Amino acid sequence: MYRVLLVEDDRNIQELIENYFTKKEKDVFIIDIADNGQIGLEMAYENTYDLILLDVMLPEVDGFEVCREVRRDSDVPIMFITARVNESDILNGYALGCDDYVVKPFPLPVLYEKANALIKRSKGLVRSKILTVGNLSLNPNNGIVMCSGEEIKLTAREYGILKVLMENKGRIISREKLVDIVWGYNSGTDERVLDTHIRNLRKALGNERKLIKTAIRRGYKIEE
């Protein structure tokens, strides 16, 4: 049985998530709900949770501040669920210690699987395989990317793009699908923004930039 704290002020979203999680697999999740950030903080201090689902735009105390305060004393997995899609917000979320950042609107099955995966990883029940292509490796367990023996630093978007491509090594992933996965479904992000991030990612990979192939009018893939 996993206990989850949902800090979200939208009643419709509260109900959708609670119903889906508690009915998906019987007796797997207990969902506690806080309507604002202050109540969420108090509940996080008073109880032990396996996961916190946290909106950013909250009454009283915003989600970023909640995350910052929780991280002072706890390593509980934290997943932001928010409509804020700016890259600066996403990077801020990760800098404050969140484990994942999901953009609204999101499919409930995707949120459910991400939540399950986060909880299991935090408990050491699952360790993801290190992804490798040529001299490039990506460790999903700690987010470290190594290129020709040296660690490279990527933005959140670049990391997300690279992870999707490496998980699908040798397969063409359409530009539309990459945008949906990395930016969030129905985000409205122009696919030209993806192309810019691909260029920046290739630059970061240096001599290994050739691993990322462009399939004209179709998308991108990674292979040796």
C-alpha atoms as a PDB file:
ATOM      1  CA  MET A   1       0.000   0.000   0.000  1.00  0.00           C
ATOM      2  CA  TYR A   2       1.396   3.376  -1.049  1.00  0.00           C
ATOM      3  CA  ARG A   3       0.351   6.662   0.564  1.00  0.00           C
ATOM      4  CA  VAL A   4       0.370   9.723  -1.697  1.00  0.00           C
ATOM      5  CA  LEU A   5      -0.072  13.394  -0.821  1.00  0.00           C
ATOM      6  CA  LEU A   6      -1.807  15.333  -3.606  1.00  0.00           C
ATOM      7  CA  VAL A   7      -1.386  19.106  -3.200  1.00  0.00           C
ATOM      8  CA  GLU A   8      -3.776  20.581  -5.760  1.00  0.00           C
ATOM      9  CA  ASP A   9      -6.450  23.284  -5.528  1.00  0.00           C
ATOM     10  CA  ASP A  10      -8.481  22.238  -8.592  1.00  0.00           C
ATOM     11  CA  ARG A  11     -11.307  20.034  -7.322  1.00  0.00           C
ATOM     12  CA  ASN A  12     -11.855  18.382 -10.709  1.00  0.00           C
ATOM     13  CA  ILE A  13      -8.209  17.336 -10.943  1.00  0.00           C
ATOM     14  CA  GLN A  14      -8.278  16.139  -7.330  1.00  0.00           C
ATOM     15  CA  GLU A  15     -11.238  13.907  -8.076  1.00  0.00           C
ATOM     16  CA  LEU A  16      -9.858  12.580 -11.360  1.00  0.00           C
ATOM     17  CA  ILE A  17      -6.499  11.608  -9.860  1.00  0.00           C
ATOM     18  CA  GLU A  18      -7.941  10.154  -6.670  1.00  0.00           C
ATOM     19  CA  ASN A  19     -10.524   8.070  -8.527  1.00  0.00           C
ATOM     20  CA  TYR A  20      -8.058   6.790 -11.109  1.00  0.00           C
ATOM     21  CA  PHE A  21      -5.324   5.874  -8.629  1.00  0.00           C
ATOM     22  CA  THR A  22      -7.598   4.205  -6.076  1.00  0.00           C
ATOM     23  CA  LYS A  23      -9.596   2.250  -8.643  1.00  0.00           C
ATOM     24  CA  LYS A  24      -6.791   1.279 -11.051  1.00  0.00           C
ATOM     25  CA  GLU A  25      -5.489  -1.440  -8.749  1.00  0.00           C
ATOM     26  CA  LYS A  26      -7.461  -2.110  -5.593  1.00  0.00           C
ATOM     27  CA  ASP A  27      -5.764  -1.362  -2.279  1.00  0.00           C
ATOM     28  CA  VAL A  28      -2.536  -0.048  -3.838  1.00  0.00           C
ATOM     29  CA  PHE A  29      -2.890   3.707  -3.228  1.00  0.00           C
ATOM     30  CA  ILE A  30      -4.217   5.906  -0.440  1.00  0.00           C
ATOM     31  CA  ILE A  31      -4.552   9.534  -1.594  1.00  0.00           C
ATOM     32  CA  ASP A  32      -4.491  12.392   0.928  1.00  0.00           C
ATOM     33  CA  ILE A  33      -5.497  15.778  -0.514  1.00  0.00           C
ATOM     34  CA  ALA A  34      -4.442  19.309   0.425  1.00  0.00           C
ATOM     35  CA  ASP A  35      -6.216  22.303  -1.132  1.00  0.00           C
ATOM     36  CA  ASN A  36      -3.343  24.751  -0.668  1.00  0.00           C
ATOM     37  CA  GLY A  37       0.395  24.839  -0.135  1.00  0.00           C
ATOM     38  CA  GLN A  38       0.291  25.638   3.581  1.00  0.00           C
ATOM     39  CA  ILE A  39      -1.942  22.664   4.359  1.00  0.00           C
ATOM     40  CA  GLY A  40       0.225  20.519   2.099  1.00  0.00           C
ATOM     41  CA  LEU A  41       3.336  21.480   4.068  1.00  0.00           C
ATOM     42  CA  GLU A  42       1.666  20.705   7.372  1.00  0.00           C
ATOM     43  CA  MET A  43       0.493  17.308   6.130  1.00  0.00           C
ATOM     44  CA  ALA A  44       3.961  16.508   4.761  1.00  0.00           C
ATOM     45  CA  TYR A  45       5.475  17.288   8.181  1.00  0.00           C
ATOM     46  CA  GLU A  46       2.878  15.318  10.117  1.00  0.00           C
ATOM     47  CA  ASN A  47       2.721  12.152   7.985  1.00  0.00           C
ATOM     48  CA  THR A  48       4.965   9.772   6.079  1.00  0.00           C
ATOM     49  CA  TYR A  49       4.316   9.599   2.350  1.00  0.00           C
ATOM     50  CA  ASP A  50       5.643   7.466  -0.487  1.00  0.00           C
ATOM     51  CA  LEU A  51       5.090  10.254  -3.044  1.00  0.00           C
ATOM     52  CA  ILE A  52       4.007  13.903  -3.202  1.00  0.00           C
ATOM     53  CA  LEU A  53       2.108  15.123  -6.283  1.00  0.00           C
ATOM     54  CA  LEU A  54       2.473  18.887  -6.232  1.00  0.00           C
ATOM     55  CA  ASP A  55       0.922  21.710  -8.251  1.00  0.00           C
ATOM     56  CA  VAL A  56       2.984  24.898  -8.624  1.00  0.00           C
ATOM     57  CA  MET A  57       0.286  27.583  -8.618  1.00  0.00           C
ATOM     58  CA  LEU A  58      -1.286  27.111  -5.185  1.00  0.00           C
ATOM     59  CA  PRO A  59      -3.005  29.375  -2.653  1.00  0.00           C
ATOM     60  CA  GLU A  60      -1.096  30.410   0.495  1.00  0.00           C
ATOM     61  CA  VAL A  61       2.278  28.858  -0.415  1.00  0.00           C
ATOM     62  CA  ASP A  62       3.290  27.997  -3.973  1.00  0.00           C
ATOM     63  CA  GLY A  63       4.510  24.550  -5.002  1.00  0.00           C
ATOM     64  CA  PHE A  64       8.126  25.613  -5.445  1.00  0.00           C
ATOM     65  CA  GLU A  65       8.270  26.785  -1.832  1.00  0.00           C
ATOM     66  CA  VAL A  66       6.573  23.587  -0.640  1.00  0.00           C
ATOM     67  CA  CYS A  67       9.185  21.528  -2.493  1.00  0.00           C
ATOM     68  CA  ARG A  68      12.012  23.615  -1.054  1.00  0.00           C
ATOM     69  CA  GLU A  69      10.760  23.209   2.511  1.00  0.00           C
ATOM     70  CA  VAL A  70      10.039  19.472   2.210  1.00  0.00           C
ATOM     71  CA  ARG A  71      13.510  18.872   0.796  1.00  0.00           C
ATOM     72  CA  ARG A  72      15.106  20.344   3.911  1.00  0.00           C
ATOM     73  CA  ASP A  73      14.167  17.225   5.883  1.00  0.00           C
ATOM     74  CA  SER A  74      12.929  14.558   3.459  1.00  0.00           C
ATOM     75  CA  ASP A  75      13.909  12.692   0.316  1.00  0.00           C
ATOM     76  CA  VAL A  76      10.323  11.607  -0.436  1.00  0.00           C
ATOM     77  CA  PRO A  77       9.771  11.490  -4.224  1.00  0.00           C
ATOM     78  CA  ILE A  78       8.158  14.726  -5.468  1.00  0.00           C
ATOM     79  CA  MET A  79       6.435  15.091  -8.831  1.00  0.00           C
ATOM     80  CA  PHE A  80       5.226  18.471 -10.039  1.00  0.00           C
ATOM     81  CA  ILE A  81       1.923  18.403 -11.943  1.00  0.00           C
ATOM     82  CA  THR A  82       1.423  21.874 -13.366  1.00  0.00           C
ATOM     83  CA  ALA A  83       0.320  23.992 -16.295  1.00  0.00           C
ATOM     84  CA  ARG A  84       3.558  26.004 -16.157  1.00  0.00           C
ATOM     85  CA  VAL A  85       5.532  24.972 -19.219  1.00  0.00           C
ATOM     86  CA  ASN A  86       8.381  27.501 -19.261  1.00  0.00           C
ATOM     87  CA  GLU A  87      11.782  25.848 -19.313  1.00  0.00           C
ATOM     88  CA  SER A  88      12.896  28.111 -16.466  1.00  0.00           C
ATOM     89  CA  ASP A  89      10.062  26.742 -14.298  1.00  0.00           C
ATOM     90  CA  ILE A  90      10.981  23.150 -15.133  1.00  0.00           C
ATOM     91  CA  LEU A  91      14.662  23.722 -14.397  1.00  0.00           C
ATOM     92  CA  ASN A  92      13.724  25.494 -11.153  1.00  0.00           C
ATOM     93  CA  GLY A  93      11.632  22.495 -10.142  1.00  0.00           C
ATOM     94  CA  TYR A  94      14.530  20.106 -10.658  1.00  0.00           C
ATOM     95  CA  ALA A  95      16.942  22.499  -8.936  1.00  0.00           C
ATOM     96  CA  LEU A  96      14.684  22.502  -5.870  1.00  0.00           C
ATOM     97  CA  GLY A  97      14.796  18.710  -5.757  1.00  0.00           C
ATOM     98  CA  CYS A  98      11.766  17.399  -7.605  1.00  0.00           C
ATOM     99  CA  ASP A  99      12.050  13.968  -9.217  1.00  0.00           C
ATOM    100  CA  ASP A 100       9.726  14.567 -12.167  1.00  0.00           C
ATOM    101  CA  TYR A 101       7.793  17.411 -13.780  1.00  0.00           C
ATOM    102  CA  VAL A 102       4.548  16.630 -15.622  1.00  0.00           C
ATOM    103  CA  VAL A 103       2.769  19.319 -17.629  1.00  0.00           C
ATOM    104  CA  LYS A 104      -1.025  19.647 -17.681  1.00  0.00           C
ATOM    105  CA  PRO A 105      -3.046  18.403 -19.419  1.00  0.00           C
ATOM    106  CA  PHE A 106      -1.660  14.892 -18.975  1.00  0.00           C
ATOM    107  CA  PRO A 107      -3.094  11.408 -19.602  1.00  0.00           C
ATOM    108  CA  LEU A 108      -3.966   9.754 -16.284  1.00  0.00           C
ATOM    109  CA  PRO A 109      -2.378   6.412 -17.308  1.00  0.00           C
ATOM    110  CA  VAL A 110       0.943   8.212 -17.909  1.00  0.00           C
ATOM    111  CA  LEU A 111       0.765   9.974 -14.532  1.00  0.00           C
ATOM    112  CA  TYR A 112      -0.095   6.682 -12.832  1.00  0.00           C
ATOM    113  CA  GLU A 113       2.844   4.810 -14.377  1.00  0.00           C
ATOM    114  CA  LYS A 114       5.257   7.643 -13.604  1.00  0.00           C
ATOM    115  CA  ALA A 115       4.074   7.672  -9.988  1.00  0.00           C
ATOM    116  CA  ASN A 116       4.488   3.908  -9.697  1.00  0.00           C
ATOM    117  CA  ALA A 117       7.960   4.048 -11.201  1.00  0.00           C
ATOM    118  CA  LEU A 118       9.076   6.876  -8.898  1.00  0.00           C
ATOM    119  CA  ILE A 119       7.893   5.081  -5.785  1.00  0.00           C
ATOM    120  CA  LYS A 120       9.477   1.779  -6.770  1.00  0.00           C
ATOM    121  CA  ARG A 121      12.789   3.422  -7.636  1.00  0.00           C
ATOM    122  CA  SER A 122      12.818   5.286  -4.321  1.00  0.00           C
ATOM    123  CA  LYS A 123      12.349   1.997  -2.488  1.00  0.00           C
ATOM    124  CA  GLY A 124      15.050   0.268  -4.504  1.00  0.00           C
ATOM    125  CA  LEU A 125      12.511  -2.063  -6.087  1.00  0.00           C
ATOM    126  CA  VAL A 126      13.438  -1.098  -9.631  1.00  0.00           C
ATOM    127  CA  ARG A 127      16.671   0.061 -11.170  1.00  0.00           C
ATOM    128  CA  SER A 128      16.589   1.128 -14.779  1.00  0.00           C
ATOM    129  CA  LYS A 129      19.183  -0.185 -17.193  1.00  0.00           C
ATOM    130  CA  ILE A 130      21.910   2.249 -18.230  1.00  0.00           C
ATOM    131  CA  LEU A 131      21.284   3.276 -21.844  1.00  0.00           C
ATOM    132  CA  THR A 132      24.245   3.219 -24.229  1.00  0.00           C
ATOM    133  CA  VAL A 133      24.841   4.141 -27.853  1.00  0.00           C
ATOM    134  CA  GLY A 134      28.421   4.244 -29.104  1.00  0.00           C
ATOM    135  CA  ASN A 135      30.519   6.205 -26.584  1.00  0.00           C
ATOM    136  CA  LEU A 136      27.413   7.789 -25.110  1.00  0.00           C
ATOM    137  CA  SER A 137      25.668   6.546 -21.939  1.00  0.00           C
ATOM    138  CA  LEU A 138      22.687   7.795 -19.941  1.00  0.00           C
ATOM    139  CA  ASN A 139      21.942   6.556 -16.429  1.00  0.00           C
ATOM    140  CA  PRO A 140      18.190   7.011 -15.718  1.00  0.00           C
ATOM    141  CA  ASN A 141      18.781   6.231 -12.030  1.00  0.00           C
ATOM    142  CA  ASN A 142      20.834   9.360 -11.351  1.00  0.00           C
ATOM    143  CA  GLY A 143      20.421  11.435 -14.530  1.00  0.00           C
ATOM    144  CA  ILE A 144      24.129  11.341 -15.405  1.00  0.00           C
ATOM    145  CA  VAL A 145      25.078  11.490 -19.093  1.00  0.00           C
ATOM    146  CA  MET A 146      28.587  10.409 -20.079  1.00  0.00           C
ATOM    147  CA  CYS A 147      30.129  11.115 -23.462  1.00  0.00           C
ATOM    148  CA  SER A 148      33.486   9.559 -24.361  1.00  0.00           C
ATOM    149  CA  GLY A 149      34.234   9.054 -20.674  1.00  0.00           C
ATOM    150  CA  GLU A 150      33.318  12.578 -19.540  1.00  0.00           C
ATOM    151  CA  GLU A 151      30.127  13.751 -17.855  1.00  0.00           C
ATOM    152  CA  ILE A 152      28.199  16.335 -19.843  1.00  0.00           C
ATOM    153  CA  LYS A 153      25.606  18.775 -18.555  1.00  0.00           C
ATOM    154  CA  LEU A 154      22.297  19.054 -20.400  1.00  0.00           C
ATOM    155  CA  THR A 155      19.191  21.149 -19.876  1.00  0.00           C
ATOM    156  CA  ALA A 156      16.030  19.367 -18.761  1.00  0.00           C
ATOM    157  CA  ARG A 157      14.646  19.411 -22.323  1.00  0.00           C
ATOM    158  CA  GLU A 158      17.893  18.167 -23.877  1.00  0.00           C
ATOM    159  CA  TYR A 159      18.073  15.353 -21.334  1.00  0.00           C
ATOM    160  CA  GLY A 160      14.442  14.415 -22.015  1.00  0.00           C
ATOM    161  CA  ILE A 161      14.978  14.328 -25.777  1.00  0.00           C
ATOM    162  CA  LEU A 162      18.139  12.254 -25.460  1.00  0.00           C
ATOM    163  CA  LYS A 163      16.488   9.792 -23.072  1.00  0.00           C
ATOM    164  CA  VAL A 164      13.544   9.205 -25.419  1.00  0.00           C
ATOM    165  CA  LEU A 165      15.859   8.682 -28.402  1.00  0.00           C
ATOM    166  CA  MET A 166      18.139   6.302 -26.476  1.00  0.00           C
ATOM    167  CA  GLU A 167      15.188   4.323 -25.138  1.00  0.00           C
ATOM    168  CA  ASN A 168      14.168   3.830 -28.780  1.00  0.00           C
ATOM    169  CA  LYS A 169      17.632   3.274 -30.257  1.00  0.00           C
ATOM    170  CA  GLY A 170      17.486   2.723 -34.012  1.00  0.00           C
ATOM    171  CA  ARG A 171      13.831   3.795 -34.291  1.00  0.00           C
ATOM    172  CA  ILE A 172      12.633   7.024 -35.853  1.00  0.00           C
ATOM    173  CA  ILE A 173      10.632   9.102 -33.371  1.00  0.00           C
ATOM    174  CA  SER A 174       8.424  11.705 -35.005  1.00  0.00           C
ATOM    175  CA  ARG A 175       8.900  15.343 -34.095  1.00  0.00           C
ATOM    176  CA  GLU A 176       5.285  15.471 -32.906  1.00  0.00           C
ATOM    177  CA  LYS A 177       5.780  12.520 -30.564  1.00  0.00           C
ATOM    178  CA  LEU A 178       9.001  13.945 -29.150  1.00  0.00           C
ATOM    179  CA  VAL A 179       7.257  17.224 -28.392  1.00  0.00           C
ATOM    180  CA  ASP A 180       4.343  15.392 -26.744  1.00  0.00           C
ATOM    181  CA  ILE A 181       6.624  13.320 -24.519  1.00  0.00           C
ATOM    182  CA  VAL A 182       9.175  15.978 -23.546  1.00  0.00           C
ATOM    183  CA  TRP A 183       6.968  19.080 -23.375  1.00  0.00           C
ATOM    184  CA  GLY A 184       3.706  17.394 -22.447  1.00  0.00           C
ATOM    185  CA  TYR A 185       0.619  16.399 -24.380  1.00  0.00           C
ATOM    186  CA  ASN A 186      -1.277  19.314 -25.948  1.00  0.00           C
ATOM    187  CA  SER A 187       1.417  21.745 -24.826  1.00  0.00           C
ATOM    188  CA  GLY A 188       1.102  23.720 -28.070  1.00  0.00           C
ATOM    189  CA  THR A 189       4.895  23.833 -28.435  1.00  0.00           C
ATOM    190  CA  ASP A 190       6.044  24.644 -31.974  1.00  0.00           C
ATOM    191  CA  GLU A 191       8.080  21.766 -33.434  1.00  0.00           C
ATOM    192  CA  ARG A 192      10.715  24.293 -34.512  1.00  0.00           C
ATOM    193  CA  VAL A 193      11.522  24.687 -30.812  1.00  0.00           C
ATOM    194  CA  LEU A 194      12.369  20.971 -30.790  1.00  0.00           C
ATOM    195  CA  ASP A 195      14.733  21.476 -33.729  1.00  0.00           C
ATOM    196  CA  THR A 196      16.555  24.184 -31.785  1.00  0.00           C
ATOM    197  CA  HIS A 197      16.978  21.861 -28.790  1.00  0.00           C
ATOM    198  CA  ILE A 198      18.239  19.091 -31.085  1.00  0.00           C
ATOM    199  CA  ARG A 199      20.908  21.467 -32.426  1.00  0.00           C
ATOM    200  CA  ASN A 200      21.941  22.395 -28.886  1.00  0.00           C
ATOM    201  CA  LEU A 201      21.996  18.729 -27.862  1.00  0.00           C
ATOM    202  CA  ARG A 202      24.235  17.824 -30.799  1.00  0.00           C
ATOM    203  CA  LYS A 203      26.577  20.646 -29.869  1.00  0.00           C
ATOM    204  CA  ALA A 204      26.757  19.361 -26.281  1.00  0.00           C
ATOM    205  CA  LEU A 205      27.608  15.850 -27.511  1.00  0.00           C
ATOM    206  CA  GLY A 206      30.673  17.067 -29.411  1.00  0.00           C
ATOM    207  CA  ASN A 207      32.188  14.289 -31.532  1.00  0.00           C
ATOM    208  CA  GLU A 208      29.244  12.027 -30.745  1.00  0.00           C
ATOM    209  CA  ARG A 209      26.757  14.440 -32.350  1.00  0.00           C
ATOM    210  CA  LYS A 210      26.703  12.180 -35.389  1.00  0.00           C
ATOM    211  CA  LEU A 211      24.786   9.568 -33.379  1.00  0.00           C
ATOM    212  CA  ILE A 212      21.618  11.675 -33.696  1.00  0.00           C
ATOM    213  CA  LYS A 213      20.249  11.243 -37.206  1.00  0.00           C
ATOM    214  CA  THR A 214      17.631  13.376 -38.933  1.00  0.00           C
ATOM    215  CA  ALA A 215      14.968  11.534 -40.897  1.00  0.00           C
ATOM    216  CA  ILE A 216      13.770  14.248 -43.270  1.00  0.00           C
ATOM    217  CA  ARG A 217      10.075  15.074 -42.832  1.00  0.00           C
ATOM    218  CA  ARG A 218       9.765  12.183 -40.358  1.00  0.00           C
ATOM    219  CA  GLY A 219      11.672  12.896 -37.158  1.00  0.00           C
ATOM    220  CA  TYR A 220      14.875  11.850 -35.378  1.00  0.00           C
ATOM    221  CA  LYS A 221      16.628   8.699 -34.249  1.00  0.00           C
ATOM    222  CA  ILE A 222      19.841   7.741 -32.493  1.00  0.00           C
ATOM    223  CA  GLU A 223      22.109   4.927 -33.628  1.00  0.00           C
ATOM    224  CA  GLU A 224      25.750   4.110 -34.215  1.00  0.00           C
END
